[in-house]
C-alpha atoms as a PDB file:
ATOM      1  CA  MET A   1      25.955  14.748 -31.059  1.00  0.00           C
ATOM      2  CA  LYS A   2      22.513  16.622 -29.665  1.00  0.00           C
ATOM      3  CA  ILE A   3      20.833  14.299 -27.006  1.00  0.00           C
ATOM      4  CA  PHE A   4      19.363  16.296 -24.696  1.00  0.00           C
ATOM      5  CA  THR A   5      17.632  19.019 -27.497  1.00  0.00           C
ATOM      6  CA  PRO A   6      15.465  16.413 -29.582  1.00  0.00           C
ATOM      7  CA  ILE A   7      14.066  15.052 -25.825  1.00  0.00           C
ATOM      8  CA  TYR A   8      13.114  18.800 -25.026  1.00  0.00           C
ATOM      9  CA  GLN A   9      11.483  19.189 -28.538  1.00  0.00           C
ATOM     10  CA  ARG A  10       9.540  16.510 -28.139  1.00  0.00           C
ATOM     11  CA  ILE A  11       8.429  17.411 -24.347  1.00  0.00           C
ATOM     12  CA  LEU A  12       7.475  20.561 -25.968  1.00  0.00           C
ATOM     13  CA  LEU A  13       5.248  18.523 -28.541  1.00  0.00           C
ATOM     14  CA  TRP A  14       3.536  16.879 -25.604  1.00  0.00           C
ATOM     15  CA  SER A  15       2.693  20.543 -24.117  1.00  0.00           C
ATOM     16  CA  GLN A  16       0.888  21.312 -27.174  1.00  0.00           C
ATOM     17  CA  HIS A  17      -1.103  17.902 -26.961  1.00  0.00           C
ATOM     18  CA  LYS A  18      -5.202  18.387 -26.722  1.00  0.00           C
ATOM     19  CA  SER A  19      -4.847  16.461 -23.441  1.00  0.00           C
ATOM     20  CA  ALA A  20      -1.486  17.904 -22.208  1.00  0.00           C
ATOM     21  CA  THR A  21      -3.818  19.657 -19.071  1.00  0.00           C
ATOM     22  CA  SER A  22      -5.207  16.140 -18.065  1.00  0.00           C
ATOM     23  CA  TYR A  23      -1.747  14.634 -18.555  1.00  0.00           C
ATOM     24  CA  LEU A  24      -0.359  17.522 -16.161  1.00  0.00           C
ATOM     25  CA  ALA A  25      -3.394  17.032 -13.881  1.00  0.00           C
ATOM     26  CA  GLY A  26      -2.455  13.159 -13.490  1.00  0.00           C
ATOM     27  CA  LEU A  27       1.070  13.911 -13.510  1.00  0.00           C
ATOM     28  CA  SER A  28       0.768  16.266 -10.592  1.00  0.00           C
ATOM     29  CA  PHE A  29      -1.192  13.859  -8.529  1.00  0.00           C
ATOM     30  CA  ALA A  30       0.580  10.747  -8.558  1.00  0.00           C
ATOM     31  CA  GLU A  31       4.147  12.618  -7.963  1.00  0.00           C
ATOM     32  CA  ALA A  32       2.192  13.534  -4.614  1.00  0.00           C
ATOM     33  CA  ILE A  33       1.702  10.057  -3.731  1.00  0.00           C
ATOM     34  CA  ILE A  34       4.342   7.920  -5.558  1.00  0.00           C
ATOM     35  CA  PHE A  35       5.790   9.245  -8.896  1.00  0.00           C
ATOM     36  CA  PRO A  36       9.211  10.388  -9.149  1.00  0.00           C
ATOM     37  CA  ILE A  37       9.119  12.736 -12.124  1.00  0.00           C
ATOM     38  CA  PRO A  38       8.361  16.445 -10.928  1.00  0.00           C
ATOM     39  CA  PRO A  39       5.563  18.286 -12.405  1.00  0.00           C
ATOM     40  CA  GLU A  40       7.469  20.957 -13.578  1.00  0.00           C
ATOM     41  CA  VAL A  41       8.452  18.540 -16.172  1.00  0.00           C
ATOM     42  CA  MET A  42       5.261  19.337 -18.306  1.00  0.00           C
ATOM     43  CA  LEU A  43       4.121  22.797 -16.414  1.00  0.00           C
ATOM     44  CA  ALA A  44       7.490  24.369 -17.979  1.00  0.00           C
ATOM     45  CA  PRO A  45       6.992  23.609 -21.229  1.00  0.00           C
ATOM     46  CA  MET A  46       3.307  24.208 -21.300  1.00  0.00           C
ATOM     47  CA  CYS A  47       4.012  27.488 -20.134  1.00  0.00           C
ATOM     48  CA  LEU A  48       6.300  28.097 -22.697  1.00  0.00           C
ATOM     49  CA  THR A  49       4.148  27.040 -25.628  1.00  0.00           C
ATOM     50  CA  GLN A  50       0.526  28.741 -24.142  1.00  0.00           C
ATOM     51  CA  PRO A  51       2.405  31.918 -21.923  1.00  0.00           C
ATOM     52  CA  ARG A  52      -1.497  33.104 -21.572  1.00  0.00           C
ATOM     53  CA  GLN A  53      -2.798  29.795 -20.202  1.00  0.00           C
ATOM     54  CA  GLY A  54       0.267  29.551 -17.872  1.00  0.00           C
ATOM     55  CA  PHE A  55      -1.250  30.691 -14.357  1.00  0.00           C
ATOM     56  CA  ARG A  56      -4.323  27.985 -15.311  1.00  0.00           C
ATOM     57  CA  PHE A  57      -1.976  25.067 -15.825  1.00  0.00           C
ATOM     58  CA  ALA A  58      -0.165  25.882 -12.638  1.00  0.00           C
ATOM     59  CA  SER A  59      -3.884  25.580 -10.655  1.00  0.00           C
ATOM     60  CA  VAL A  60      -4.703  22.671 -12.823  1.00  0.00           C
ATOM     61  CA  SER A  61      -1.334  21.429 -11.284  1.00  0.00           C
ATOM     62  CA  LEU A  62      -1.665  22.874  -7.851  1.00  0.00           C
ATOM     63  CA  ALA A  63      -5.128  21.371  -7.560  1.00  0.00           C
ATOM     64  CA  SER A  64      -4.160  18.092  -8.523  1.00  0.00           C
ATOM     65  CA  SER A  65      -1.041  17.845  -6.262  1.00  0.00           C
ATOM     66  CA  MET A  66      -3.558  18.949  -3.288  1.00  0.00           C
ATOM     67  CA  LEU A  67      -5.574  15.919  -4.313  1.00  0.00           C
ATOM     68  CA  GLY A  68      -2.436  13.680  -4.687  1.00  0.00           C
ATOM     69  CA  ALA A  69      -1.425  15.265  -0.931  1.00  0.00           C
ATOM     70  CA  VAL A  70      -4.424  14.225   0.962  1.00  0.00           C
ATOM     71  CA  ILE A  71      -4.231  10.702  -0.408  1.00  0.00           C
ATOM     72  CA  GLY A  72      -0.834  10.504   0.343  1.00  0.00           C
ATOM     73  CA  TYR A  73      -1.533  11.676   3.885  1.00  0.00           C
ATOM     74  CA  LEU A  74      -3.936   9.202   4.471  1.00  0.00           C
ATOM     75  CA  LEU A  75      -2.108   6.447   2.885  1.00  0.00           C
ATOM     76  CA  GLY A  76       0.821   7.235   5.375  1.00  0.00           C
ATOM     77  CA  HIS A  77      -1.687   7.405   8.137  1.00  0.00           C
ATOM     78  CA  TYR A  78      -3.589   4.059   7.810  1.00  0.00           C
ATOM     79  CA  THR A  79      -1.619   1.856   5.452  1.00  0.00           C
ATOM     80  CA  TYR A  80       2.312   2.788   6.188  1.00  0.00           C
ATOM     81  CA  GLU A  81       2.824  -0.408   8.257  1.00  0.00           C
ATOM     82  CA  LEU A  82       1.297  -2.599   5.147  1.00  0.00           C
ATOM     83  CA  LEU A  83       3.226  -1.369   2.571  1.00  0.00           C
ATOM     84  CA  GLY A  84       6.420  -0.620   4.527  1.00  0.00           C
ATOM     85  CA  PHE A  85       7.826  -3.614   1.876  1.00  0.00           C
ATOM     86  CA  VAL A  86       7.211  -1.267  -0.644  1.00  0.00           C
ATOM     87  CA  PHE A  87       8.927   1.570   0.254  1.00  0.00           C
ATOM     88  CA  GLU A  88      12.500  -0.774   1.267  1.00  0.00           C
ATOM     89  CA  ALA A  89      12.152  -1.997  -2.569  1.00  0.00           C
ATOM     90  CA  LEU A  90      11.949   1.854  -3.406  1.00  0.00           C
ATOM     91  CA  GLY A  91      15.065   2.882  -0.533  1.00  0.00           C
ATOM     92  CA  TRP A  92      12.439   5.462   0.642  1.00  0.00           C
ATOM     93  CA  VAL A  93      12.583   3.653   4.223  1.00  0.00           C
ATOM     94  CA  GLU A  94      15.266   5.890   5.490  1.00  0.00           C
ATOM     95  CA  LYS A  95      14.320   9.199   3.898  1.00  0.00           C
ATOM     96  CA  ILE A  96      10.365   9.030   5.107  1.00  0.00           C
ATOM     97  CA  ASP A  97      12.092   7.732   8.900  1.00  0.00           C
ATOM     98  CA  ALA A  98      14.215  10.958   8.841  1.00  0.00           C
ATOM     99  CA  ARG A  99      11.160  13.431   7.931  1.00  0.00           C
ATOM    100  CA  VAL A 100       9.030  11.271  10.287  1.00  0.00           C
ATOM    101  CA  SER A 101      11.540  12.120  13.381  1.00  0.00           C
ATOM    102  CA  GLN A 102      12.030  15.560  12.358  1.00  0.00           C
ATOM    103  CA  LEU A 103       8.234  16.467  11.875  1.00  0.00           C
ATOM    104  CA  ARG A 104       7.959  14.702  15.248  1.00  0.00           C
ATOM    105  CA  GLU A 105      10.286  16.918  16.882  1.00  0.00           C
ATOM    106  CA  LEU A 106       9.245  19.872  15.300  1.00  0.00           C
ATOM    107  CA  SER A 107       5.244  19.243  16.147  1.00  0.00           C
ATOM    108  CA  ALA A 108       6.356  18.651  19.927  1.00  0.00           C
ATOM    109  CA  GLN A 109       8.252  22.348  20.287  1.00  0.00           C
ATOM    110  CA  SER A 110       6.329  24.291  17.816  1.00  0.00           C
ATOM    111  CA  PRO A 111       3.102  24.025  15.603  1.00  0.00           C
ATOM    112  CA  TRP A 112       4.166  26.826  13.687  1.00  0.00           C
ATOM    113  CA  GLN A 113       7.585  25.502  12.787  1.00  0.00           C
ATOM    114  CA  THR A 114       6.543  22.475  11.812  1.00  0.00           C
ATOM    115  CA  PHE A 115       4.152  24.301   9.014  1.00  0.00           C
ATOM    116  CA  TRP A 116       6.938  26.523   7.711  1.00  0.00           C
ATOM    117  CA  LEU A 117       8.924  23.306   7.614  1.00  0.00           C
ATOM    118  CA  LEU A 118       6.221  21.761   5.431  1.00  0.00           C
ATOM    119  CA  VAL A 119       5.803  25.260   3.455  1.00  0.00           C
ATOM    120  CA  LEU A 120       9.493  25.112   2.398  1.00  0.00           C
ATOM    121  CA  ALA A 121       8.863  21.721   1.393  1.00  0.00           C
ATOM    122  CA  GLY A 122       6.482  22.151  -1.253  1.00  0.00           C
ATOM    123  CA  PHE A 123       8.517  25.052  -2.401  1.00  0.00           C
ATOM    124  CA  THR A 124      11.961  23.090  -2.828  1.00  0.00           C
ATOM    125  CA  PRO A 125      13.234  19.746  -4.939  1.00  0.00           C
ATOM    126  CA  ILE A 126      12.436  17.575  -2.310  1.00  0.00           C
ATOM    127  CA  PRO A 127       9.932  15.230  -3.611  1.00  0.00           C
ATOM    128  CA  LEU A 128       6.687  16.256  -2.132  1.00  0.00           C
ATOM    129  CA  LYS A 129       5.615  12.240  -1.639  1.00  0.00           C
ATOM    130  CA  ILE A 130       8.313  12.306   1.469  1.00  0.00           C
ATOM    131  CA  PHE A 131       6.516  14.975   3.206  1.00  0.00           C
ATOM    132  CA  THR A 132       2.656  13.737   2.797  1.00  0.00           C
ATOM    133  CA  TRP A 133       3.511  10.477   3.810  1.00  0.00           C
ATOM    134  CA  ALA A 134       5.162  11.286   6.873  1.00  0.00           C
ATOM    135  CA  SER A 135       2.727  13.640   7.630  1.00  0.00           C
ATOM    136  CA  GLY A 136       0.121  10.950   7.770  1.00  0.00           C
ATOM    137  CA  ILE A 137       2.685   8.974   9.685  1.00  0.00           C
ATOM    138  CA  VAL A 138       3.110  11.391  12.287  1.00  0.00           C
ATOM    139  CA  GLY A 139      -0.370  12.568  12.406  1.00  0.00           C
ATOM    140  CA  LEU A 140      -0.341  16.145  12.094  1.00  0.00           C
ATOM    141  CA  PRO A 141      -2.944  18.073  12.030  1.00  0.00           C
ATOM    142  CA  PHE A 142      -4.781  17.475   8.311  1.00  0.00           C
ATOM    143  CA  LEU A 143      -5.822  21.300   8.259  1.00  0.00           C
ATOM    144  CA  PRO A 144      -2.643  23.081   8.893  1.00  0.00           C
ATOM    145  CA  PHE A 145      -1.069  20.013   6.958  1.00  0.00           C
ATOM    146  CA  MET A 146      -2.900  21.154   3.827  1.00  0.00           C
ATOM    147  CA  ALA A 147      -2.656  24.818   4.283  1.00  0.00           C
ATOM    148  CA  SER A 148       1.065  24.718   4.064  1.00  0.00           C
ATOM    149  CA  MET A 149       0.765  22.232   1.095  1.00  0.00           C
ATOM    150  CA  LEU A 150      -0.949  25.196  -0.553  1.00  0.00           C
ATOM    151  CA  VAL A 151       1.036  27.640   0.028  1.00  0.00           C
ATOM    152  CA  GLY A 152       4.855  25.617  -0.246  1.00  0.00           C
ATOM    153  CA  ARG A 153       3.518  24.101  -3.443  1.00  0.00           C
ATOM    154  CA  GLY A 154       1.451  27.105  -4.685  1.00  0.00           C
ATOM    155  CA  LYS A 155       4.523  29.687  -4.689  1.00  0.00           C
ATOM    156  CA  ARG A 156       6.427  26.949  -6.599  1.00  0.00           C
ATOM    157  CA  VAL A 157       4.136  26.781  -9.705  1.00  0.00           C
ATOM    158  CA  TYR A 158       2.848  29.983  -9.904  1.00  0.00           C
ATOM    159  CA  LEU A 159       6.402  31.381  -9.907  1.00  0.00           C
ATOM    160  CA  ILE A 160       7.493  29.124 -12.467  1.00  0.00           C
ATOM    161  CA  ALA A 161       4.402  30.640 -14.574  1.00  0.00           C
ATOM    162  CA  LEU A 162       4.995  34.008 -13.564  1.00  0.00           C
ATOM    163  CA  ALA A 163       8.569  33.958 -14.863  1.00  0.00           C
ATOM    164  CA  ILE A 164       7.765  32.495 -17.912  1.00  0.00           C
ATOM    165  CA  ARG A 165       4.971  34.694 -18.977  1.00  0.00           C
ATOM    166  CA  LEU A 166       7.225  38.193 -17.705  1.00  0.00           C
ATOM    167  CA  GLY A 167      10.657  35.988 -19.847  1.00  0.00           C
ATOM    168  CA  GLY A 168       7.857  35.232 -23.235  1.00  0.00           C
ATOM    169  CA  GLU A 169       9.953  34.398 -26.192  1.00  0.00           C
ATOM    170  CA  ARG A 170      13.077  35.283 -24.330  1.00  0.00           C
ATOM    171  CA  ALA A 171      12.624  32.517 -22.072  1.00  0.00           C
ATOM    172  CA  ALA A 172      11.630  30.072 -24.845  1.00  0.00           C
ATOM    173  CA  ARG A 173      15.174  30.938 -27.024  1.00  0.00           C
ATOM    174  CA  ILE A 174      17.235  30.375 -23.870  1.00  0.00           C
ATOM    175  CA  LEU A 175      15.962  27.341 -22.998  1.00  0.00           C
ATOM    176  CA  ASP A 176      16.368  26.327 -26.929  1.00  0.00           C
ATOM    177  CA  SER A 177      20.028  28.084 -26.474  1.00  0.00           C
ATOM    178  CA  PHE A 178      21.299  26.394 -23.251  1.00  0.00           C
ATOM    179  CA  ILE A 179      19.404  23.126 -23.391  1.00  0.00           C
ATOM    180  CA  GLU A 180      22.595  20.839 -24.282  1.00  0.00           C
ATOM    181  CA  PRO A 181      24.656  22.604 -21.449  1.00  0.00           C
ATOM    182  CA  ILE A 182      22.062  21.925 -18.833  1.00  0.00           C
ATOM    183  CA  GLY A 183      21.396  18.273 -19.738  1.00  0.00           C
ATOM    184  CA  TRP A 184      24.859  17.168 -19.271  1.00  0.00           C
ATOM    185  CA  PHE A 185      25.621  19.461 -16.541  1.00  0.00           C
ATOM    186  CA  PHE A 186      22.836  17.403 -14.438  1.00  0.00           C
ATOM    187  CA  THR A 187      23.966  14.294 -15.870  1.00  0.00           C
ATOM    188  CA  ALA A 188      27.439  15.419 -14.510  1.00  0.00           C
ATOM    189  CA  ILE A 189      26.181  15.488 -11.767  1.00  0.00           C
ATOM    190  CA  LEU A 190      24.421  12.136 -11.126  1.00  0.00           C
ATOM    191  CA  VAL A 191      27.036  10.689 -12.482  1.00  0.00           C
ATOM    192  CA  LEU A 192      29.305  12.055 -10.038  1.00  0.00           C
ATOM    193  CA  GLY A 193      26.573  11.159  -7.381  1.00  0.00           C
ATOM    194  CA  LEU A 194      26.166   7.507  -8.509  1.00  0.00           C
ATOM    195  CA  GLY A 195      30.363   7.128  -8.414  1.00  0.00           C
ATOM    196  CA  TYR A 196      29.903   8.607  -4.977  1.00  0.00           C
ATOM    197  CA  LEU A 197      27.756   6.013  -3.527  1.00  0.00           C
ATOM    198  CA  GLY A 198      29.230   3.119  -5.264  1.00  0.00           C
ATOM    199  CA  PHE A 199      33.099   4.313  -4.094  1.00  0.00           C
ATOM    200  CA  ASN A 200      31.717   4.322  -0.652  1.00  0.00           C
ATOM    201  CA  ALA A 201      29.723   1.063  -1.386  1.00  0.00           C
ATOM    202  CA  LEU A 202      32.812  -0.829  -2.435  1.00  0.00           C
ATOM    203  CA  ALA A 203      35.249   1.068   0.665  1.00  0.00           C
ATOM    204  CA  GLY A 204      32.597  -0.747   3.167  1.00  0.00           C
ATOM    205  CA  VAL A 205      33.067  -4.065   1.805  1.00  0.00           C
END
C-alpha cells in the first residue's frame, strides 16, 4: 500500500496552484518565527514543476525568511520573557536556552565565530526560528545577524533550485521512484526517536 506517493503528488499539485508563490512566501516567513514546517516542502516541488522559475522561487523564499528572521529577532529581544509560557508549552525552552548560552559564549570570544555559527545554522535542518529568537535574546549586533542569515539560508534555497535545475526531469523521476522508501525511512527514524524518548522517560520514573 502506497502512503507517501499520494501525499507527494498532492504537494506537486499545490505547487502548481496560481497562489503557490504566495504560499511559499507565507510559509518561509512563518517558519523563521514559529511555524514547524520548513519552506523546502513547497520550494522543491515548485522547482520541479517549473525549473526555469526555480531561482525566482528561491529568492521569494529567501526574502520572506529574512523578513521573518527580523520579526523573530525583535520578538526574542523584546518579548521573550512575556512569552516564556508559550515556549514552555511548545517544548522549546531548553533548545532556545542552549543556543542562547552558545551564542553568548561565542560572541564573548569572537564575533566572527558567532557569524559563522549562524551561517551554518541557516544551512542546516536545525529550525531557523531557534536561532532568530536566541540571537534577539542575546542582543547580537543586528547587521551581522542579518548578513549571516542571508548567507546561510541563501545557500540552502539556491542550492536546492540549482540541483533541481541541473537534474531536471531526472530529479523528478528519482523522487517519483524513491518517495515511498524515503517516506518510510524518515517514519522509521521518527518512531525510533519517539521510542527512545519514551523508554528514557519510563526508565526515569
